[in-house]
Every structure is written in structure tokens, then in C-alpha cells.
Amino acid sequence: MELYDGPVEMDDLVAEIVNLYPETIEYLQSIGMHCLSCASAQTETLWEACQVHGLRAAKVVDELNRIINE
């Protein structure tokens, strides 16, 4: 798997990611993160959201950075 460097890190808030990089919304919704504007997204880190949804945070970070770097 190729690793993509980029601005998104595991400790970033989900709401900040989608506000700064709206191109990531489709991917996040496709992996089950449908409530991107709910109260949890405002205070939840990407790592925490991945734990709740049973996802590997490193893989999600990598894909988000790939999308942003396109």
C-alpha cells in the first residue's frame, strides 16, 4: 500500500476535515460516517470516529490524504 503524506492526521477533528476539504465527504460517507455535521463530528477526532465505526484509522488517513493530493 502506498502511503500518502498530507494535511490530515488522526487527531484532526472530523468537522474540521470536511470543512477544509469538502472533497473528502463522499469517501467518509461511503465508509459509514454519515453524520458529518452532527454534534459528535464537531468534537470527535478522526481516530475516535474510526474506533466507533470499526475502521482502521491509518488506512482512512491515507485515503483522505490521497483524495486531497489528487
PDB file of N, CA and C in Angstrom:
ATOM      1  N   MET A   1       0.840  -1.174   0.000  1.00  0.00           N
ATOM      2  CA  MET A   1       0.000   0.000   0.000  1.00  0.00           C
ATOM      3  C   MET A   1       0.885   1.236   0.000  1.00  0.00           C
ATOM      4  N   GLU A   2       0.600   2.139  -0.887  1.00  0.00           N
ATOM      5  CA  GLU A   2       1.346   3.391  -0.939  1.00  0.00           C
ATOM      6  C   GLU A   2       0.837   4.320   0.150  1.00  0.00           C
ATOM      7  N   LEU A   3       1.750   4.972   0.843  1.00  0.00           N
ATOM      8  CA  LEU A   3       1.358   5.917   1.875  1.00  0.00           C
ATOM      9  C   LEU A   3       1.392   7.326   1.318  1.00  0.00           C
ATOM     10  N   TYR A   4       0.348   8.076   1.597  1.00  0.00           N
ATOM     11  CA  TYR A   4       0.234   9.439   1.095  1.00  0.00           C
ATOM     12  C   TYR A   4       0.429  10.429   2.230  1.00  0.00           C
ATOM     13  N   ASP A   5       1.415  11.288   2.080  1.00  0.00           N
ATOM     14  CA  ASP A   5       1.600  12.361   3.044  1.00  0.00           C
ATOM     15  C   ASP A   5       0.575  13.429   2.744  1.00  0.00           C
ATOM     16  N   GLY A   6       0.134  14.084   3.767  1.00  0.00           N
ATOM     17  CA  GLY A   6      -0.838  15.140   3.550  1.00  0.00           C
ATOM     18  C   GLY A   6      -1.196  15.834   4.841  1.00  0.00           C
ATOM     19  N   PRO A   7      -2.171  16.695   4.739  1.00  0.00           N
ATOM     20  CA  PRO A   7      -2.517  17.527   5.891  1.00  0.00           C
ATOM     21  C   PRO A   7      -3.360  16.838   6.955  1.00  0.00           C
ATOM     22  N   VAL A   8      -4.025  15.739   6.613  1.00  0.00           N
ATOM     23  CA  VAL A   8      -4.924  15.091   7.567  1.00  0.00           C
ATOM     24  C   VAL A   8      -4.145  14.146   8.471  1.00  0.00           C
ATOM     25  N   GLU A   9      -4.447  14.253   9.776  1.00  0.00           N
ATOM     26  CA  GLU A   9      -3.841  13.373  10.770  1.00  0.00           C
ATOM     27  C   GLU A   9      -4.936  12.776  11.638  1.00  0.00           C
ATOM     28  N   MET A  10      -4.620  11.730  12.365  1.00  0.00           N
ATOM     29  CA  MET A  10      -5.615  11.023  13.171  1.00  0.00           C
ATOM     30  C   MET A  10      -6.249  11.891  14.248  1.00  0.00           C
ATOM     31  N   ASP A  11      -5.511  12.892  14.729  1.00  0.00           N
ATOM     32  CA  ASP A  11      -6.048  13.703  15.820  1.00  0.00           C
ATOM     33  C   ASP A  11      -6.811  14.942  15.336  1.00  0.00           C
ATOM     34  N   ASP A  12      -7.032  15.060  14.028  1.00  0.00           N
ATOM     35  CA  ASP A  12      -7.837  16.162  13.492  1.00  0.00           C
ATOM     36  C   ASP A  12      -9.313  15.903  13.757  1.00  0.00           C
ATOM     37  N   LEU A  13     -10.061  16.963  14.009  1.00  0.00           N
ATOM     38  CA  LEU A  13     -11.499  16.833  14.202  1.00  0.00           C
ATOM     39  C   LEU A  13     -12.176  16.535  12.869  1.00  0.00           C
ATOM     40  N   VAL A  14     -13.152  15.655  12.891  1.00  0.00           N
ATOM     41  CA  VAL A  14     -13.872  15.289  11.671  1.00  0.00           C
ATOM     42  C   VAL A  14     -14.485  16.529  11.025  1.00  0.00           C
ATOM     43  N   ALA A  15     -15.097  17.398  11.819  1.00  0.00           N
ATOM     44  CA  ALA A  15     -15.732  18.604  11.280  1.00  0.00           C
ATOM     45  C   ALA A  15     -14.724  19.514  10.586  1.00  0.00           C
ATOM     46  N   GLU A  16     -13.533  19.620  11.142  1.00  0.00           N
ATOM     47  CA  GLU A  16     -12.502  20.454  10.513  1.00  0.00           C
ATOM     48  C   GLU A  16     -12.067  19.868   9.177  1.00  0.00           C
ATOM     49  N   ILE A  17     -11.949  18.559   9.116  1.00  0.00           N
ATOM     50  CA  ILE A  17     -11.533  17.907   7.873  1.00  0.00           C
ATOM     51  C   ILE A  17     -12.536  18.197   6.766  1.00  0.00           C
ATOM     52  N   VAL A  18     -13.827  17.984   7.047  1.00  0.00           N
ATOM     53  CA  VAL A  18     -14.823  18.173   5.992  1.00  0.00           C
ATOM     54  C   VAL A  18     -15.011  19.646   5.642  1.00  0.00           C
ATOM     55  N   ASN A  19     -14.795  20.539   6.594  1.00  0.00           N
ATOM     56  CA  ASN A  19     -14.888  21.968   6.289  1.00  0.00           C
ATOM     57  C   ASN A  19     -13.728  22.439   5.426  1.00  0.00           C
ATOM     58  N   LEU A  20     -12.533  21.973   5.724  1.00  0.00           N
ATOM     59  CA  LEU A  20     -11.354  22.380   4.954  1.00  0.00           C
ATOM     60  C   LEU A  20     -11.225  21.635   3.631  1.00  0.00           C
ATOM     61  N   TYR A  21     -11.695  20.397   3.601  1.00  0.00           N
ATOM     62  CA  TYR A  21     -11.522  19.539   2.429  1.00  0.00           C
ATOM     63  C   TYR A  21     -12.852  18.864   2.073  1.00  0.00           C
ATOM     64  N   PRO A  22     -13.794  19.617   1.513  1.00  0.00           N
ATOM     65  CA  PRO A  22     -15.110  19.041   1.200  1.00  0.00           C
ATOM     66  C   PRO A  22     -15.040  17.869   0.220  1.00  0.00           C
ATOM     67  N   GLU A  23     -13.946  17.748  -0.506  1.00  0.00           N
ATOM     68  CA  GLU A  23     -13.797  16.636  -1.440  1.00  0.00           C
ATOM     69  C   GLU A  23     -13.690  15.292  -0.710  1.00  0.00           C
ATOM     70  N   THR A  24     -13.506  15.326   0.619  1.00  0.00           N
ATOM     71  CA  THR A  24     -13.405  14.087   1.398  1.00  0.00           C
ATOM     72  C   THR A  24     -14.762  13.565   1.860  1.00  0.00           C
ATOM     73  N   ILE A  25     -15.805  14.368   1.734  1.00  0.00           N
ATOM     74  CA  ILE A  25     -17.123  13.997   2.253  1.00  0.00           C
ATOM     75  C   ILE A  25     -17.642  12.699   1.630  1.00  0.00           C
ATOM     76  N   GLU A  26     -17.561  12.573   0.335  1.00  0.00           N
ATOM     77  CA  GLU A  26     -18.078  11.383  -0.343  1.00  0.00           C
ATOM     78  C   GLU A  26     -17.410  10.114   0.183  1.00  0.00           C
ATOM     79  N   TYR A  27     -16.091  10.158   0.340  1.00  0.00           N
ATOM     80  CA  TYR A  27     -15.377   8.990   0.854  1.00  0.00           C
ATOM     81  C   TYR A  27     -15.814   8.669   2.283  1.00  0.00           C
ATOM     82  N   LEU A  28     -15.854   9.676   3.144  1.00  0.00           N
ATOM     83  CA  LEU A  28     -16.227   9.435   4.535  1.00  0.00           C
ATOM     84  C   LEU A  28     -17.632   8.840   4.633  1.00  0.00           C
ATOM     85  N   GLN A  29     -18.545   9.334   3.843  1.00  0.00           N
ATOM     86  CA  GLN A  29     -19.897   8.775   3.849  1.00  0.00           C
ATOM     87  C   GLN A  29     -19.904   7.340   3.323  1.00  0.00           C
ATOM     88  N   SER A  30     -19.047   7.057   2.351  1.00  0.00           N
ATOM     89  CA  SER A  30     -19.019   5.713   1.766  1.00  0.00           C
ATOM     90  C   SER A  30     -18.508   4.656   2.747  1.00  0.00           C
ATOM     91  N   ILE A  31     -17.777   5.092   3.779  1.00  0.00           N
ATOM     92  CA  ILE A  31     -17.269   4.133   4.768  1.00  0.00           C
ATOM     93  C   ILE A  31     -18.101   4.143   6.047  1.00  0.00           C
ATOM     94  N   GLY A  32     -19.270   4.791   5.981  1.00  0.00           N
ATOM     95  CA  GLY A  32     -20.201   4.727   7.091  1.00  0.00           C
ATOM     96  C   GLY A  32     -20.274   5.944   7.987  1.00  0.00           C
ATOM     97  N   MET A  33     -19.488   6.961   7.698  1.00  0.00           N
ATOM     98  CA  MET A  33     -19.535   8.188   8.504  1.00  0.00           C
ATOM     99  C   MET A  33     -20.542   9.141   7.863  1.00  0.00           C
ATOM    100  N   HIS A  34     -21.809   8.892   8.152  1.00  0.00           N
ATOM    101  CA  HIS A  34     -22.881   9.650   7.512  1.00  0.00           C
ATOM    102  C   HIS A  34     -23.208  10.947   8.225  1.00  0.00           C
ATOM    103  N   CYS A  35     -22.937  11.035   9.491  1.00  0.00           N
ATOM    104  CA  CYS A  35     -23.333  12.199  10.278  1.00  0.00           C
ATOM    105  C   CYS A  35     -22.159  13.156  10.430  1.00  0.00           C
ATOM    106  N   LEU A  36     -21.751  13.752   9.330  1.00  0.00           N
ATOM    107  CA  LEU A  36     -20.562  14.602   9.331  1.00  0.00           C
ATOM    108  C   LEU A  36     -20.804  15.988   9.917  1.00  0.00           C
ATOM    109  N   SER A  37     -22.057  16.361  10.083  1.00  0.00           N
ATOM    110  CA  SER A  37     -22.345  17.673  10.664  1.00  0.00           C
ATOM    111  C   SER A  37     -23.037  17.568  12.019  1.00  0.00           C
ATOM    112  N   CYS A  38     -23.138  16.363  12.556  1.00  0.00           N
ATOM    113  CA  CYS A  38     -23.790  16.195  13.854  1.00  0.00           C
ATOM    114  C   CYS A  38     -22.863  16.676  14.977  1.00  0.00           C
ATOM    115  N   ALA A  39     -23.403  16.718  16.175  1.00  0.00           N
ATOM    116  CA  ALA A  39     -22.638  17.213  17.325  1.00  0.00           C
ATOM    117  C   ALA A  39     -21.355  16.411  17.557  1.00  0.00           C
ATOM    118  N   SER A  40     -21.414  15.113  17.346  1.00  0.00           N
ATOM    119  CA  SER A  40     -20.223  14.291  17.557  1.00  0.00           C
ATOM    120  C   SER A  40     -19.084  14.685  16.631  1.00  0.00           C
ATOM    121  N   ALA A  41     -19.405  14.990  15.391  1.00  0.00           N
ATOM    122  CA  ALA A  41     -18.373  15.344  14.414  1.00  0.00           C
ATOM    123  C   ALA A  41     -17.660  16.638  14.791  1.00  0.00           C
ATOM    124  N   GLN A  42     -18.317  17.475  15.561  1.00  0.00           N
ATOM    125  CA  GLN A  42     -17.727  18.753  15.950  1.00  0.00           C
ATOM    126  C   GLN A  42     -16.611  18.583  16.981  1.00  0.00           C
ATOM    127  N   THR A  43     -16.685  17.529  17.773  1.00  0.00           N
ATOM    128  CA  THR A  43     -15.717  17.340  18.856  1.00  0.00           C
ATOM    129  C   THR A  43     -14.951  16.028  18.771  1.00  0.00           C
ATOM    130  N   GLU A  44     -15.263  15.207  17.777  1.00  0.00           N
ATOM    131  CA  GLU A  44     -14.663  13.878  17.653  1.00  0.00           C
ATOM    132  C   GLU A  44     -13.482  13.913  16.697  1.00  0.00           C
ATOM    133  N   THR A  45     -12.371  13.324  17.125  1.00  0.00           N
ATOM    134  CA  THR A  45     -11.226  13.224  16.226  1.00  0.00           C
ATOM    135  C   THR A  45     -11.475  12.131  15.201  1.00  0.00           C
ATOM    136  N   LEU A  46     -10.703  12.152  14.150  1.00  0.00           N
ATOM    137  CA  LEU A  46     -10.824  11.118  13.133  1.00  0.00           C
ATOM    138  C   LEU A  46     -10.533   9.755  13.741  1.00  0.00           C
ATOM    139  N   TRP A  47      -9.553   9.679  14.610  1.00  0.00           N
ATOM    140  CA  TRP A  47      -9.222   8.415  15.271  1.00  0.00           C
ATOM    141  C   TRP A  47     -10.419   7.901  16.059  1.00  0.00           C
ATOM    142  N   GLU A  48     -11.058   8.779  16.831  1.00  0.00           N
ATOM    143  CA  GLU A  48     -12.222   8.373  17.620  1.00  0.00           C
ATOM    144  C   GLU A  48     -13.364   7.907  16.720  1.00  0.00           C
ATOM    145  N   ALA A  49     -13.606   8.638  15.642  1.00  0.00           N
ATOM    146  CA  ALA A  49     -14.674   8.255  14.709  1.00  0.00           C
ATOM    147  C   ALA A  49     -14.385   6.891  14.089  1.00  0.00           C
ATOM    148  N   CYS A  50     -13.141   6.641  13.757  1.00  0.00           N
ATOM    149  CA  CYS A  50     -12.775   5.342  13.192  1.00  0.00           C
ATOM    150  C   CYS A  50     -13.009   4.223  14.201  1.00  0.00           C
ATOM    151  N   GLN A  51     -12.701   4.466  15.463  1.00  0.00           N
ATOM    152  CA  GLN A  51     -12.931   3.461  16.504  1.00  0.00           C
ATOM    153  C   GLN A  51     -14.417   3.144  16.622  1.00  0.00           C
ATOM    154  N   VAL A  52     -15.254   4.172  16.613  1.00  0.00           N
ATOM    155  CA  VAL A  52     -16.703   3.992  16.717  1.00  0.00           C
ATOM    156  C   VAL A  52     -17.245   3.175  15.543  1.00  0.00           C
ATOM    157  N   HIS A  53     -16.667   3.405  14.358  1.00  0.00           N
ATOM    158  CA  HIS A  53     -17.167   2.755  13.141  1.00  0.00           C
ATOM    159  C   HIS A  53     -16.405   1.474  12.782  1.00  0.00           C
ATOM    160  N   GLY A  54     -15.463   1.074  13.630  1.00  0.00           N
ATOM    161  CA  GLY A  54     -14.720  -0.159  13.399  1.00  0.00           C
ATOM    162  C   GLY A  54     -13.786  -0.095  12.208  1.00  0.00           C
ATOM    163  N   LEU A  55     -13.187   1.075  11.993  1.00  0.00           N
ATOM    164  CA  LEU A  55     -12.304   1.275  10.846  1.00  0.00           C
ATOM    165  C   LEU A  55     -10.859   1.450  11.294  1.00  0.00           C
ATOM    166  N   ARG A  56      -9.935   1.087  10.419  1.00  0.00           N
ATOM    167  CA  ARG A  56      -8.508   1.307  10.691  1.00  0.00           C
ATOM    168  C   ARG A  56      -8.177   2.753  10.382  1.00  0.00           C
ATOM    169  N   ALA A  57      -7.846   3.527  11.402  1.00  0.00           N
ATOM    170  CA  ALA A  57      -7.609   4.961  11.258  1.00  0.00           C
ATOM    171  C   ALA A  57      -6.472   5.259  10.282  1.00  0.00           C
ATOM    172  N   ALA A  58      -5.407   4.490  10.318  1.00  0.00           N
ATOM    173  CA  ALA A  58      -4.273   4.744   9.424  1.00  0.00           C
ATOM    174  C   ALA A  58      -4.684   4.623   7.964  1.00  0.00           C
ATOM    175  N   LYS A  59      -5.518   3.643   7.653  1.00  0.00           N
ATOM    176  CA  LYS A  59      -5.993   3.459   6.282  1.00  0.00           C
ATOM    177  C   LYS A  59      -6.882   4.625   5.856  1.00  0.00           C
ATOM    178  N   VAL A  60      -7.744   5.092   6.761  1.00  0.00           N
ATOM    179  CA  VAL A  60      -8.635   6.215   6.454  1.00  0.00           C
ATOM    180  C   VAL A  60      -7.822   7.489   6.236  1.00  0.00           C
ATOM    181  N   VAL A  61      -6.861   7.745   7.097  1.00  0.00           N
ATOM    182  CA  VAL A  61      -5.993   8.924   6.945  1.00  0.00           C
ATOM    183  C   VAL A  61      -5.279   8.878   5.604  1.00  0.00           C
ATOM    184  N   ASP A  62      -4.758   7.726   5.267  1.00  0.00           N
ATOM    185  CA  ASP A  62      -4.043   7.578   3.999  1.00  0.00           C
ATOM    186  C   ASP A  62      -4.954   7.884   2.809  1.00  0.00           C
ATOM    187  N   GLU A  63      -6.159   7.360   2.842  1.00  0.00           N
ATOM    188  CA  GLU A  63      -7.090   7.584   1.726  1.00  0.00           C
ATOM    189  C   GLU A  63      -7.519   9.052   1.665  1.00  0.00           C
ATOM    190  N   LEU A  64      -7.759   9.673   2.802  1.00  0.00           N
ATOM    191  CA  LEU A  64      -8.133  11.088   2.794  1.00  0.00           C
ATOM    192  C   LEU A  64      -7.011  11.942   2.208  1.00  0.00           C
ATOM    193  N   ASN A  65      -5.797  11.663   2.587  1.00  0.00           N
ATOM    194  CA  ASN A  65      -4.671  12.422   2.043  1.00  0.00           C
ATOM    195  C   ASN A  65      -4.478  12.161   0.550  1.00  0.00           C
ATOM    196  N   ARG A  66      -4.766  10.941   0.104  1.00  0.00           N
ATOM    197  CA  ARG A  66      -4.699  10.658  -1.334  1.00  0.00           C
ATOM    198  C   ARG A  66      -5.728  11.496  -2.079  1.00  0.00           C
ATOM    199  N   ILE A  67      -6.946  11.540  -1.557  1.00  0.00           N
ATOM    200  CA  ILE A  67      -8.004  12.329  -2.189  1.00  0.00           C
ATOM    201  C   ILE A  67      -7.621  13.800  -2.244  1.00  0.00           C
ATOM    202  N   ILE A  68      -7.124  14.324  -1.159  1.00  0.00           N
ATOM    203  CA  ILE A  68      -6.747  15.745  -1.090  1.00  0.00           C
ATOM    204  C   ILE A  68      -5.601  16.054  -2.047  1.00  0.00           C
ATOM    205  N   ASN A  69      -4.665  15.125  -2.173  1.00  0.00           N
ATOM    206  CA  ASN A  69      -3.485  15.356  -3.025  1.00  0.00           C
ATOM    207  C   ASN A  69      -3.737  15.150  -4.507  1.00  0.00           C
ATOM    208  N   GLU A  70      -4.930  14.674  -4.874  1.00  0.00           N
ATOM    209  CA  GLU A  70      -5.215  14.437  -6.301  1.00  0.00           C
ATOM    210  C   GLU A  70      -5.222  15.735  -7.077  1.00  0.00           C
TER     211      GLU A  70
END
